[in-house]
Structure formats: structure tokens, C-alpha cells
PDB file of N, CA and C in Angstrom:
ATOM      1  N   MET A   1      27.248 -17.148 -26.061  1.00  0.00           N
ATOM      2  CA  MET A   1      25.837 -16.951 -26.337  1.00  0.00           C
ATOM      3  C   MET A   1      25.032 -17.566 -25.208  1.00  0.00           C
ATOM      4  N   ILE A   2      23.955 -16.904 -24.851  1.00  0.00           N
ATOM      5  CA  ILE A   2      23.060 -17.397 -23.800  1.00  0.00           C
ATOM      6  C   ILE A   2      21.677 -17.599 -24.398  1.00  0.00           C
ATOM      7  N   GLU A   3      21.067 -18.704 -24.056  1.00  0.00           N
ATOM      8  CA  GLU A   3      19.686 -18.946 -24.475  1.00  0.00           C
ATOM      9  C   GLU A   3      18.794 -18.797 -23.254  1.00  0.00           C
ATOM     10  N   LEU A   4      17.769 -17.957 -23.384  1.00  0.00           N
ATOM     11  CA  LEU A   4      16.814 -17.780 -22.299  1.00  0.00           C
ATOM     12  C   LEU A   4      15.602 -18.649 -22.561  1.00  0.00           C
ATOM     13  N   SER A   5      15.171 -19.361 -21.545  1.00  0.00           N
ATOM     14  CA  SER A   5      14.023 -20.237 -21.667  1.00  0.00           C
ATOM     15  C   SER A   5      13.132 -20.020 -20.458  1.00  0.00           C
ATOM     16  N   ALA A   6      11.846 -19.799 -20.703  1.00  0.00           N
ATOM     17  CA  ALA A   6      10.925 -19.543 -19.597  1.00  0.00           C
ATOM     18  C   ALA A   6       9.965 -20.707 -19.416  1.00  0.00           C
ATOM     19  N   ARG A   7       9.698 -20.995 -18.173  1.00  0.00           N
ATOM     20  CA  ARG A   7       8.685 -22.007 -17.867  1.00  0.00           C
ATOM     21  C   ARG A   7       7.322 -21.350 -17.986  1.00  0.00           C
ATOM     22  N   PRO A   8       6.281 -22.135 -18.143  1.00  0.00           N
ATOM     23  CA  PRO A   8       4.947 -21.524 -18.198  1.00  0.00           C
ATOM     24  C   PRO A   8       4.689 -20.679 -16.952  1.00  0.00           C
ATOM     25  N   ALA A   9       4.159 -19.510 -17.183  1.00  0.00           N
ATOM     26  CA  ALA A   9       3.886 -18.586 -16.086  1.00  0.00           C
ATOM     27  C   ALA A   9       2.642 -17.767 -16.420  1.00  0.00           C
ATOM     28  N   VAL A  10       2.074 -17.188 -15.409  1.00  0.00           N
ATOM     29  CA  VAL A  10       0.931 -16.299 -15.620  1.00  0.00           C
ATOM     30  C   VAL A  10       1.481 -14.925 -15.968  1.00  0.00           C
ATOM     31  N   TRP A  11       1.067 -14.415 -17.100  1.00  0.00           N
ATOM     32  CA  TRP A  11       1.506 -13.104 -17.547  1.00  0.00           C
ATOM     33  C   TRP A  11       0.312 -12.189 -17.680  1.00  0.00           C
ATOM     34  N   GLU A  12       0.480 -10.969 -17.268  1.00  0.00           N
ATOM     35  CA  GLU A  12      -0.565  -9.966 -17.447  1.00  0.00           C
ATOM     36  C   GLU A  12      -0.402  -9.385 -18.842  1.00  0.00           C
ATOM     37  N   ALA A  13      -1.435  -9.453 -19.638  1.00  0.00           N
ATOM     38  CA  ALA A  13      -1.348  -8.987 -21.019  1.00  0.00           C
ATOM     39  C   ALA A  13      -2.134  -7.694 -21.216  1.00  0.00           C
ATOM     40  N   THR A  14      -1.562  -6.841 -22.008  1.00  0.00           N
ATOM     41  CA  THR A  14      -2.239  -5.612 -22.396  1.00  0.00           C
ATOM     42  C   THR A  14      -2.070  -5.448 -23.894  1.00  0.00           C
ATOM     43  N   THR A  15      -2.692  -4.451 -24.432  1.00  0.00           N
ATOM     44  CA  THR A  15      -2.544  -4.194 -25.857  1.00  0.00           C
ATOM     45  C   THR A  15      -1.498  -3.125 -26.116  1.00  0.00           C
ATOM     46  N   ALA A  16      -0.835  -2.642 -25.077  1.00  0.00           N
ATOM     47  CA  ALA A  16       0.182  -1.601 -25.235  1.00  0.00           C
ATOM     48  C   ALA A  16       1.545  -2.242 -25.516  1.00  0.00           C
ATOM     49  N   GLU A  17       1.977  -2.163 -26.737  1.00  0.00           N
ATOM     50  CA  GLU A  17       3.228  -2.781 -27.153  1.00  0.00           C
ATOM     51  C   GLU A  17       4.425  -1.899 -26.789  1.00  0.00           C
ATOM     52  N   VAL A  18       5.525  -2.537 -26.426  1.00  0.00           N
ATOM     53  CA  VAL A  18       6.796  -1.859 -26.204  1.00  0.00           C
ATOM     54  C   VAL A  18       7.820  -2.551 -27.088  1.00  0.00           C
ATOM     55  N   ARG A  19       8.571  -1.764 -27.848  1.00  0.00           N
ATOM     56  CA  ARG A  19       9.572  -2.315 -28.754  1.00  0.00           C
ATOM     57  C   ARG A  19      10.961  -1.847 -28.327  1.00  0.00           C
ATOM     58  N   GLY A  20      11.952  -2.680 -28.548  1.00  0.00           N
ATOM     59  CA  GLY A  20      13.335  -2.340 -28.245  1.00  0.00           C
ATOM     60  C   GLY A  20      14.221  -3.545 -28.471  1.00  0.00           C
ATOM     61  N   THR A  21      15.492  -3.361 -28.211  1.00  0.00           N
ATOM     62  CA  THR A  21      16.412  -4.490 -28.336  1.00  0.00           C
ATOM     63  C   THR A  21      16.104  -5.485 -27.217  1.00  0.00           C
ATOM     64  N   ALA A  22      16.564  -6.697 -27.376  1.00  0.00           N
ATOM     65  CA  ALA A  22      16.340  -7.708 -26.341  1.00  0.00           C
ATOM     66  C   ALA A  22      16.936  -7.247 -25.018  1.00  0.00           C
ATOM     67  N   LEU A  23      18.123  -6.667 -25.058  1.00  0.00           N
ATOM     68  CA  LEU A  23      18.771  -6.205 -23.834  1.00  0.00           C
ATOM     69  C   LEU A  23      17.965  -5.095 -23.160  1.00  0.00           C
ATOM     70  N   ALA A  24      17.506  -4.131 -23.936  1.00  0.00           N
ATOM     71  CA  ALA A  24      16.723  -3.029 -23.366  1.00  0.00           C
ATOM     72  C   ALA A  24      15.429  -3.538 -22.744  1.00  0.00           C
ATOM     73  N   LEU A  25      14.766  -4.476 -23.397  1.00  0.00           N
ATOM     74  CA  LEU A  25      13.522  -5.024 -22.859  1.00  0.00           C
ATOM     75  C   LEU A  25      13.778  -5.819 -21.581  1.00  0.00           C
ATOM     76  N   LEU A  26      14.839  -6.606 -21.551  1.00  0.00           N
ATOM     77  CA  LEU A  26      15.170  -7.378 -20.343  1.00  0.00           C
ATOM     78  C   LEU A  26      15.504  -6.446 -19.178  1.00  0.00           C
ATOM     79  N   LEU A  27      16.266  -5.400 -19.439  1.00  0.00           N
ATOM     80  CA  LEU A  27      16.578  -4.441 -18.387  1.00  0.00           C
ATOM     81  C   LEU A  27      15.304  -3.781 -17.867  1.00  0.00           C
ATOM     82  N   ALA A  28      14.432  -3.357 -18.773  1.00  0.00           N
ATOM     83  CA  ALA A  28      13.204  -2.668 -18.377  1.00  0.00           C
ATOM     84  C   ALA A  28      12.292  -3.561 -17.543  1.00  0.00           C
ATOM     85  N   VAL A  29      12.096  -4.807 -17.961  1.00  0.00           N
ATOM     86  CA  VAL A  29      11.191  -5.679 -17.209  1.00  0.00           C
ATOM     87  C   VAL A  29      11.783  -6.127 -15.882  1.00  0.00           C
ATOM     88  N   SER A  30      13.111  -6.015 -15.744  1.00  0.00           N
ATOM     89  CA  SER A  30      13.730  -6.366 -14.469  1.00  0.00           C
ATOM     90  C   SER A  30      13.876  -5.159 -13.544  1.00  0.00           C
ATOM     91  N   GLY A  31      13.333  -4.018 -13.971  1.00  0.00           N
ATOM     92  CA  GLY A  31      13.339  -2.838 -13.122  1.00  0.00           C
ATOM     93  C   GLY A  31      14.587  -1.988 -13.223  1.00  0.00           C
ATOM     94  N   ARG A  32      15.470  -2.294 -14.158  1.00  0.00           N
ATOM     95  CA  ARG A  32      16.693  -1.510 -14.341  1.00  0.00           C
ATOM     96  C   ARG A  32      16.414  -0.296 -15.216  1.00  0.00           C
ATOM     97  N   ARG A  33      17.253   0.688 -15.135  1.00  0.00           N
ATOM     98  CA  ARG A  33      17.092   1.898 -15.950  1.00  0.00           C
ATOM     99  C   ARG A  33      17.476   1.628 -17.391  1.00  0.00           C
ATOM    100  N   VAL A  34      16.675   2.194 -18.285  1.00  0.00           N
ATOM    101  CA  VAL A  34      16.929   2.076 -19.714  1.00  0.00           C
ATOM    102  C   VAL A  34      16.821   3.482 -20.295  1.00  0.00           C
ATOM    103  N   ALA A  35      17.744   3.846 -21.162  1.00  0.00           N
ATOM    104  CA  ALA A  35      17.688   5.163 -21.799  1.00  0.00           C
ATOM    105  C   ALA A  35      16.395   5.268 -22.611  1.00  0.00           C
ATOM    106  N   PRO A  36      15.724   6.419 -22.550  1.00  0.00           N
ATOM    107  CA  PRO A  36      14.435   6.574 -23.236  1.00  0.00           C
ATOM    108  C   PRO A  36      14.483   6.225 -24.724  1.00  0.00           C
ATOM    109  N   GLU A  37      15.583   6.503 -25.376  1.00  0.00           N
ATOM    110  CA  GLU A  37      15.663   6.226 -26.820  1.00  0.00           C
ATOM    111  C   GLU A  37      15.821   4.739 -27.125  1.00  0.00           C
ATOM    112  N   GLU A  38      16.034   3.912 -26.103  1.00  0.00           N
ATOM    113  CA  GLU A  38      16.181   2.472 -26.302  1.00  0.00           C
ATOM    114  C   GLU A  38      14.846   1.758 -26.511  1.00  0.00           C
ATOM    115  N   LEU A  39      13.741   2.387 -26.056  1.00  0.00           N
ATOM    116  CA  LEU A  39      12.426   1.767 -26.135  1.00  0.00           C
ATOM    117  C   LEU A  39      11.476   2.646 -26.937  1.00  0.00           C
ATOM    118  N   ASP A  40      10.485   2.001 -27.527  1.00  0.00           N
ATOM    119  CA  ASP A  40       9.505   2.715 -28.335  1.00  0.00           C
ATOM    120  C   ASP A  40       8.159   2.006 -28.192  1.00  0.00           C
ATOM    121  N   GLY A  41       7.086   2.747 -28.313  1.00  0.00           N
ATOM    122  CA  GLY A  41       5.756   2.155 -28.295  1.00  0.00           C
ATOM    123  C   GLY A  41       4.870   2.737 -27.215  1.00  0.00           C
ATOM    124  N   PRO A  42       3.566   2.518 -27.334  1.00  0.00           N
ATOM    125  CA  PRO A  42       2.606   3.100 -26.408  1.00  0.00           C
ATOM    126  C   PRO A  42       2.637   2.527 -24.996  1.00  0.00           C
ATOM    127  N   GLY A  43       3.297   1.411 -24.764  1.00  0.00           N
ATOM    128  CA  GLY A  43       3.322   0.804 -23.435  1.00  0.00           C
ATOM    129  C   GLY A  43       4.504   1.209 -22.577  1.00  0.00           C
ATOM    130  N   ILE A  44       5.330   2.122 -23.061  1.00  0.00           N
ATOM    131  CA  ILE A  44       6.536   2.500 -22.318  1.00  0.00           C
ATOM    132  C   ILE A  44       6.204   3.003 -20.925  1.00  0.00           C
ATOM    133  N   THR A  45       5.235   3.870 -20.798  1.00  0.00           N
ATOM    134  CA  THR A  45       4.892   4.440 -19.498  1.00  0.00           C
ATOM    135  C   THR A  45       4.537   3.354 -18.497  1.00  0.00           C
ATOM    136  N   ALA A  46       3.728   2.394 -18.914  1.00  0.00           N
ATOM    137  CA  ALA A  46       3.333   1.312 -18.003  1.00  0.00           C
ATOM    138  C   ALA A  46       4.523   0.431 -17.636  1.00  0.00           C
ATOM    139  N   LEU A  47       5.465   0.270 -18.563  1.00  0.00           N
ATOM    140  CA  LEU A  47       6.619  -0.596 -18.308  1.00  0.00           C
ATOM    141  C   LEU A  47       7.626   0.043 -17.365  1.00  0.00           C
ATOM    142  N   VAL A  48       7.883   1.321 -17.521  1.00  0.00           N
ATOM    143  CA  VAL A  48       8.959   1.954 -16.751  1.00  0.00           C
ATOM    144  C   VAL A  48       8.472   2.694 -15.519  1.00  0.00           C
ATOM    145  N   THR A  49       7.155   2.757 -15.279  1.00  0.00           N
ATOM    146  CA  THR A  49       6.625   3.404 -14.085  1.00  0.00           C
ATOM    147  C   THR A  49       6.757   2.460 -12.903  1.00  0.00           C
ATOM    148  N   PRO A  50       7.441   2.878 -11.835  1.00  0.00           N
ATOM    149  CA  PRO A  50       7.590   2.008 -10.665  1.00  0.00           C
ATOM    150  C   PRO A  50       6.232   1.655 -10.047  1.00  0.00           C
ATOM    151  N   ARG A  51       6.098   0.406  -9.645  1.00  0.00           N
ATOM    152  CA  ARG A  51       4.864  -0.035  -8.980  1.00  0.00           C
ATOM    153  C   ARG A  51       5.060   0.001  -7.481  1.00  0.00           C
ATOM    154  N   ARG A  52       4.013   0.298  -6.757  1.00  0.00           N
ATOM    155  CA  ARG A  52       4.101   0.359  -5.297  1.00  0.00           C
ATOM    156  C   ARG A  52       3.695  -0.957  -4.679  1.00  0.00           C
TER     157      ARG A  52
END
């Protein structure tokens, strides 16, 4: 088992929620590919769209 712990950081907050398993969310926020059925919610587009 692994415990993830984050130090205080500045986070950009929006009202667009994204739901999924912990693994799917970690993969998505780290820029890895996630199968579309792994995530749900109105914020998916913003999460999985590559930034320039």
C-alpha cells in the first residue's frame, strides 16, 4: 500500500468536477492517457486537453 501526501501548493480551482478511480485521476493529472470510460463529469475536457 502507498500513501500519497501533498505539501501545501497553489492549485487552480474550477467548478468543473471530474470523477473516477484514484488511479484514473492520477494518470489524467500526470498527463498519461486514460480510457474515456474511466472518467466522468463536466471537467473532463479541461483535464485531458493538452496545454501548450
